[in-house]
Amino acid sequence: MMRRISLVVAVTIIAASPIAAQELPKFMVGCWADGAINESWRVTGDSMTGVGEMVRGTTRRVSERMSIGIAEGKLAYTAQPTGAVSATSFKASHVSADSAVFENPAHDFPQRLVYFARGRDSLMAIVTGVESGTSQVLELAFGRQPCRSGP
């Protein structure tokens, strides 16, 4: 219970901080794993690109392609799940040296993505929103992993 309260307080404080349009959340760069979910991020020019994978045993399947860059004059996180017709963008409401919050209240689920570093080799992602009338929270505790290629 105390962990959930701490996360709620951290998310609230992070969301209240202002953002400069050109900041990239470079603390996310690298390859990360949390059991069945992997993410990898790299800086490409003035933006970042990422890949999300679902892992089952030794099989890896790309589940979405992601990017972070300027869209409509504001920093945004854009995700396109495999098989989706179009991508979904989440506007940045906060970016600092060790945390970032992206929001899209009009999206079905999720509506908010929060990333924050917990030291050099640990990255938390908290995915929240309302789905079918019920509040949902997905917490991912990523550990840094060697990259197979890239970042």
C-alpha atoms as a PDB file:
ATOM      1  CA  MET A   1       0.000   0.000   0.000  1.00  0.00           C
ATOM      2  CA  MET A   2       2.829   2.400   0.866  1.00  0.00           C
ATOM      3  CA  ARG A   3       4.427   1.726  -2.562  1.00  0.00           C
ATOM      4  CA  ARG A   4       1.203   2.664  -4.365  1.00  0.00           C
ATOM      5  CA  ILE A   5       0.871   5.875  -2.309  1.00  0.00           C
ATOM      6  CA  SER A   6       4.485   6.777  -3.105  1.00  0.00           C
ATOM      7  CA  LEU A   7       3.868   6.202  -6.817  1.00  0.00           C
ATOM      8  CA  VAL A   8       0.718   8.335  -6.749  1.00  0.00           C
ATOM      9  CA  VAL A   9       2.595  11.154  -4.993  1.00  0.00           C
ATOM     10  CA  ALA A  10       5.502  10.861  -7.475  1.00  0.00           C
ATOM     11  CA  VAL A  11       3.152  10.909 -10.469  1.00  0.00           C
ATOM     12  CA  THR A  12       1.278  13.921  -9.093  1.00  0.00           C
ATOM     13  CA  ILE A  13       4.478  15.907  -8.467  1.00  0.00           C
ATOM     14  CA  ILE A  14       5.901  14.977 -11.874  1.00  0.00           C
ATOM     15  CA  ALA A  15       2.693  15.945 -13.691  1.00  0.00           C
ATOM     16  CA  ALA A  16       2.678  19.398 -12.077  1.00  0.00           C
ATOM     17  CA  SER A  17       6.113  20.367 -13.468  1.00  0.00           C
ATOM     18  CA  PRO A  18       6.354  22.490 -16.652  1.00  0.00           C
ATOM     19  CA  ILE A  19       8.009  21.270 -19.881  1.00  0.00           C
ATOM     20  CA  ALA A  20      10.316  22.874 -22.400  1.00  0.00           C
ATOM     21  CA  ALA A  21       9.320  21.863 -25.941  1.00  0.00           C
ATOM     22  CA  GLN A  22      12.802  20.711 -27.022  1.00  0.00           C
ATOM     23  CA  GLU A  23      13.661  18.415 -24.100  1.00  0.00           C
ATOM     24  CA  LEU A  24      14.045  14.719 -24.885  1.00  0.00           C
ATOM     25  CA  PRO A  25      13.789  12.136 -22.080  1.00  0.00           C
ATOM     26  CA  LYS A  26      17.263  10.736 -22.776  1.00  0.00           C
ATOM     27  CA  PHE A  27      17.225   8.776 -19.511  1.00  0.00           C
ATOM     28  CA  MET A  28      15.037   6.286 -21.456  1.00  0.00           C
ATOM     29  CA  VAL A  29      17.771   5.511 -24.025  1.00  0.00           C
ATOM     30  CA  GLY A  30      18.869   1.887 -23.944  1.00  0.00           C
ATOM     31  CA  CYS A  31      17.398  -1.589 -23.868  1.00  0.00           C
ATOM     32  CA  TRP A  32      15.018  -2.495 -21.055  1.00  0.00           C
ATOM     33  CA  ALA A  33      13.263  -5.694 -19.959  1.00  0.00           C
ATOM     34  CA  ASP A  34      10.444  -6.467 -17.534  1.00  0.00           C
ATOM     35  CA  GLY A  35       9.678 -10.165 -17.827  1.00  0.00           C
ATOM     36  CA  ALA A  36       7.476 -10.505 -20.890  1.00  0.00           C
ATOM     37  CA  ILE A  37       7.887  -6.915 -22.129  1.00  0.00           C
ATOM     38  CA  ASN A  38      10.990  -5.308 -23.626  1.00  0.00           C
ATOM     39  CA  GLU A  39      11.486  -1.729 -24.789  1.00  0.00           C
ATOM     40  CA  SER A  40      14.460  -0.220 -26.561  1.00  0.00           C
ATOM     41  CA  TRP A  41      15.013   3.479 -27.189  1.00  0.00           C
ATOM     42  CA  ARG A  42      17.604   5.495 -29.077  1.00  0.00           C
ATOM     43  CA  VAL A  43      18.173   9.109 -30.050  1.00  0.00           C
ATOM     44  CA  THR A  44      17.854   9.721 -33.776  1.00  0.00           C
ATOM     45  CA  GLY A  45      18.684  13.339 -34.586  1.00  0.00           C
ATOM     46  CA  ASP A  46      16.261  15.620 -32.750  1.00  0.00           C
ATOM     47  CA  SER A  47      13.885  12.820 -31.745  1.00  0.00           C
ATOM     48  CA  MET A  48      13.874   9.353 -30.183  1.00  0.00           C
ATOM     49  CA  THR A  49      12.690   6.066 -31.639  1.00  0.00           C
ATOM     50  CA  GLY A  50      11.647   2.975 -29.765  1.00  0.00           C
ATOM     51  CA  VAL A  51      10.429  -0.563 -30.209  1.00  0.00           C
ATOM     52  CA  GLY A  52       8.233  -2.514 -27.798  1.00  0.00           C
ATOM     53  CA  GLU A  53       8.395  -6.312 -27.835  1.00  0.00           C
ATOM     54  CA  MET A  54       6.394  -9.076 -26.236  1.00  0.00           C
ATOM     55  CA  VAL A  55       8.578 -12.013 -25.198  1.00  0.00           C
ATOM     56  CA  ARG A  56       7.470 -15.631 -24.771  1.00  0.00           C
ATOM     57  CA  GLY A  57      10.301 -18.020 -24.015  1.00  0.00           C
ATOM     58  CA  THR A  58      12.865 -17.378 -26.738  1.00  0.00           C
ATOM     59  CA  THR A  59      10.347 -15.833 -29.151  1.00  0.00           C
ATOM     60  CA  ARG A  60      10.253 -12.046 -29.493  1.00  0.00           C
ATOM     61  CA  ARG A  61       7.450 -10.275 -31.319  1.00  0.00           C
ATOM     62  CA  VAL A  62       7.415  -6.558 -32.040  1.00  0.00           C
ATOM     63  CA  SER A  63       4.233  -5.230 -30.488  1.00  0.00           C
ATOM     64  CA  GLU A  64       4.619  -1.532 -31.258  1.00  0.00           C
ATOM     65  CA  ARG A  65       6.860   1.131 -32.736  1.00  0.00           C
ATOM     66  CA  MET A  66       7.258   4.324 -30.748  1.00  0.00           C
ATOM     67  CA  SER A  67       8.786   7.752 -31.173  1.00  0.00           C
ATOM     68  CA  ILE A  68       9.256  10.893 -29.126  1.00  0.00           C
ATOM     69  CA  GLY A  69       9.603  14.178 -30.951  1.00  0.00           C
ATOM     70  CA  ILE A  70       7.963  17.471 -31.764  1.00  0.00           C
ATOM     71  CA  ALA A  71       4.390  17.215 -33.084  1.00  0.00           C
ATOM     72  CA  GLU A  72       2.264  20.316 -33.572  1.00  0.00           C
ATOM     73  CA  GLY A  73       4.908  22.399 -31.777  1.00  0.00           C
ATOM     74  CA  LYS A  74       4.962  20.257 -28.635  1.00  0.00           C
ATOM     75  CA  LEU A  75       6.928  17.231 -27.506  1.00  0.00           C
ATOM     76  CA  ALA A  76       4.872  14.050 -27.967  1.00  0.00           C
ATOM     77  CA  TYR A  77       5.161  10.286 -27.511  1.00  0.00           C
ATOM     78  CA  THR A  78       3.668   8.469 -30.488  1.00  0.00           C
ATOM     79  CA  ALA A  79       2.909   4.745 -30.488  1.00  0.00           C
ATOM     80  CA  GLN A  80       1.702   2.520 -33.289  1.00  0.00           C
ATOM     81  CA  PRO A  81       0.883  -1.027 -32.224  1.00  0.00           C
ATOM     82  CA  THR A  82       1.557  -3.754 -34.783  1.00  0.00           C
ATOM     83  CA  GLY A  83      -1.479  -4.084 -37.035  1.00  0.00           C
ATOM     84  CA  ALA A  84      -2.931  -0.689 -36.073  1.00  0.00           C
ATOM     85  CA  VAL A  85      -4.070   1.515 -38.938  1.00  0.00           C
ATOM     86  CA  SER A  86      -2.805   4.701 -37.308  1.00  0.00           C
ATOM     87  CA  ALA A  87      -0.550   5.893 -34.505  1.00  0.00           C
ATOM     88  CA  THR A  88      -1.678   7.552 -31.273  1.00  0.00           C
ATOM     89  CA  SER A  89       0.105  10.591 -29.834  1.00  0.00           C
ATOM     90  CA  PHE A  90       0.430  11.571 -26.188  1.00  0.00           C
ATOM     91  CA  LYS A  91       1.487  15.169 -25.458  1.00  0.00           C
ATOM     92  CA  ALA A  92       4.275  15.679 -22.935  1.00  0.00           C
ATOM     93  CA  SER A  93       3.125  17.433 -19.776  1.00  0.00           C
ATOM     94  CA  HIS A  94       6.491  17.042 -18.038  1.00  0.00           C
ATOM     95  CA  VAL A  95      10.056  16.094 -18.979  1.00  0.00           C
ATOM     96  CA  SER A  96      13.113  16.316 -16.728  1.00  0.00           C
ATOM     97  CA  ALA A  97      16.506  14.634 -16.518  1.00  0.00           C
ATOM     98  CA  ASP A  98      14.928  11.543 -14.931  1.00  0.00           C
ATOM     99  CA  SER A  99      11.177  11.570 -15.580  1.00  0.00           C
ATOM    100  CA  ALA A 100       8.578  12.160 -18.282  1.00  0.00           C
ATOM    101  CA  VAL A 101       4.780  12.228 -18.429  1.00  0.00           C
ATOM    102  CA  PHE A 102       2.768  11.931 -21.649  1.00  0.00           C
ATOM    103  CA  GLU A 103      -1.023  12.318 -21.776  1.00  0.00           C
ATOM    104  CA  ASN A 104      -3.926  11.857 -24.169  1.00  0.00           C
ATOM    105  CA  PRO A 105      -7.231  12.108 -22.271  1.00  0.00           C
ATOM    106  CA  ALA A 106      -9.222  11.332 -25.453  1.00  0.00           C
ATOM    107  CA  HIS A 107      -7.527   7.959 -26.047  1.00  0.00           C
ATOM    108  CA  ASP A 108      -9.418   4.785 -25.055  1.00  0.00           C
ATOM    109  CA  PHE A 109      -6.555   3.220 -23.034  1.00  0.00           C
ATOM    110  CA  PRO A 110      -4.124   4.296 -21.797  1.00  0.00           C
ATOM    111  CA  GLN A 111      -4.561   7.997 -21.186  1.00  0.00           C
ATOM    112  CA  ARG A 112      -1.284   8.596 -19.315  1.00  0.00           C
ATOM    113  CA  LEU A 113       2.253   7.208 -19.645  1.00  0.00           C
ATOM    114  CA  VAL A 114       4.775   7.982 -16.913  1.00  0.00           C
ATOM    115  CA  TYR A 115       8.435   7.001 -17.168  1.00  0.00           C
ATOM    116  CA  PHE A 116      11.057   7.634 -14.512  1.00  0.00           C
ATOM    117  CA  ALA A 117      14.590   6.470 -13.847  1.00  0.00           C
ATOM    118  CA  ARG A 118      15.449   4.671 -10.646  1.00  0.00           C
ATOM    119  CA  GLY A 119      19.201   4.847 -10.921  1.00  0.00           C
ATOM    120  CA  ARG A 120      21.187   4.177 -14.085  1.00  0.00           C
ATOM    121  CA  ASP A 121      19.991   0.601 -14.619  1.00  0.00           C
ATOM    122  CA  SER A 122      16.311   0.760 -13.652  1.00  0.00           C
ATOM    123  CA  LEU A 123      13.391   2.380 -15.454  1.00  0.00           C
ATOM    124  CA  MET A 124       9.779   2.481 -14.260  1.00  0.00           C
ATOM    125  CA  ALA A 125       6.828   2.867 -16.592  1.00  0.00           C
ATOM    126  CA  ILE A 126       3.363   3.473 -15.183  1.00  0.00           C
ATOM    127  CA  VAL A 127       0.529   3.192 -17.674  1.00  0.00           C
ATOM    128  CA  THR A 128      -2.832   4.487 -16.438  1.00  0.00           C
ATOM    129  CA  GLY A 129      -6.293   5.229 -17.666  1.00  0.00           C
ATOM    130  CA  VAL A 130      -9.919   4.201 -17.623  1.00  0.00           C
ATOM    131  CA  GLU A 131     -10.951   1.157 -19.620  1.00  0.00           C
ATOM    132  CA  SER A 132     -14.568   0.008 -19.751  1.00  0.00           C
ATOM    133  CA  GLY A 133     -15.389   2.398 -16.901  1.00  0.00           C
ATOM    134  CA  THR A 134     -12.704   0.994 -14.587  1.00  0.00           C
ATOM    135  CA  SER A 135      -9.442   2.695 -13.604  1.00  0.00           C
ATOM    136  CA  GLN A 136      -6.463   0.626 -14.687  1.00  0.00           C
ATOM    137  CA  VAL A 137      -2.811   0.863 -13.607  1.00  0.00           C
ATOM    138  CA  LEU A 138      -0.005  -1.136 -15.175  1.00  0.00           C
ATOM    139  CA  GLU A 139       3.396  -0.816 -13.488  1.00  0.00           C
ATOM    140  CA  LEU A 140       6.484  -2.012 -15.349  1.00  0.00           C
ATOM    141  CA  ALA A 141       9.836  -2.231 -13.560  1.00  0.00           C
ATOM    142  CA  PHE A 142      12.395  -2.426 -16.362  1.00  0.00           C
ATOM    143  CA  GLY A 143      15.999  -3.428 -15.859  1.00  0.00           C
ATOM    144  CA  ARG A 144      18.728  -2.396 -18.276  1.00  0.00           C
ATOM    145  CA  GLN A 145      19.721  -5.180 -20.681  1.00  0.00           C
ATOM    146  CA  PRO A 146      22.448  -5.505 -23.309  1.00  0.00           C
ATOM    147  CA  CYS A 147      21.141  -4.371 -26.685  1.00  0.00           C
ATOM    148  CA  ARG A 148      21.108  -6.979 -29.454  1.00  0.00           C
ATOM    149  CA  SER A 149      21.627  -4.196 -31.997  1.00  0.00           C
ATOM    150  CA  GLY A 150      20.905  -0.510 -31.892  1.00  0.00           C
ATOM    151  CA  PRO A 151      20.424   1.943 -29.181  1.00  0.00           C
END
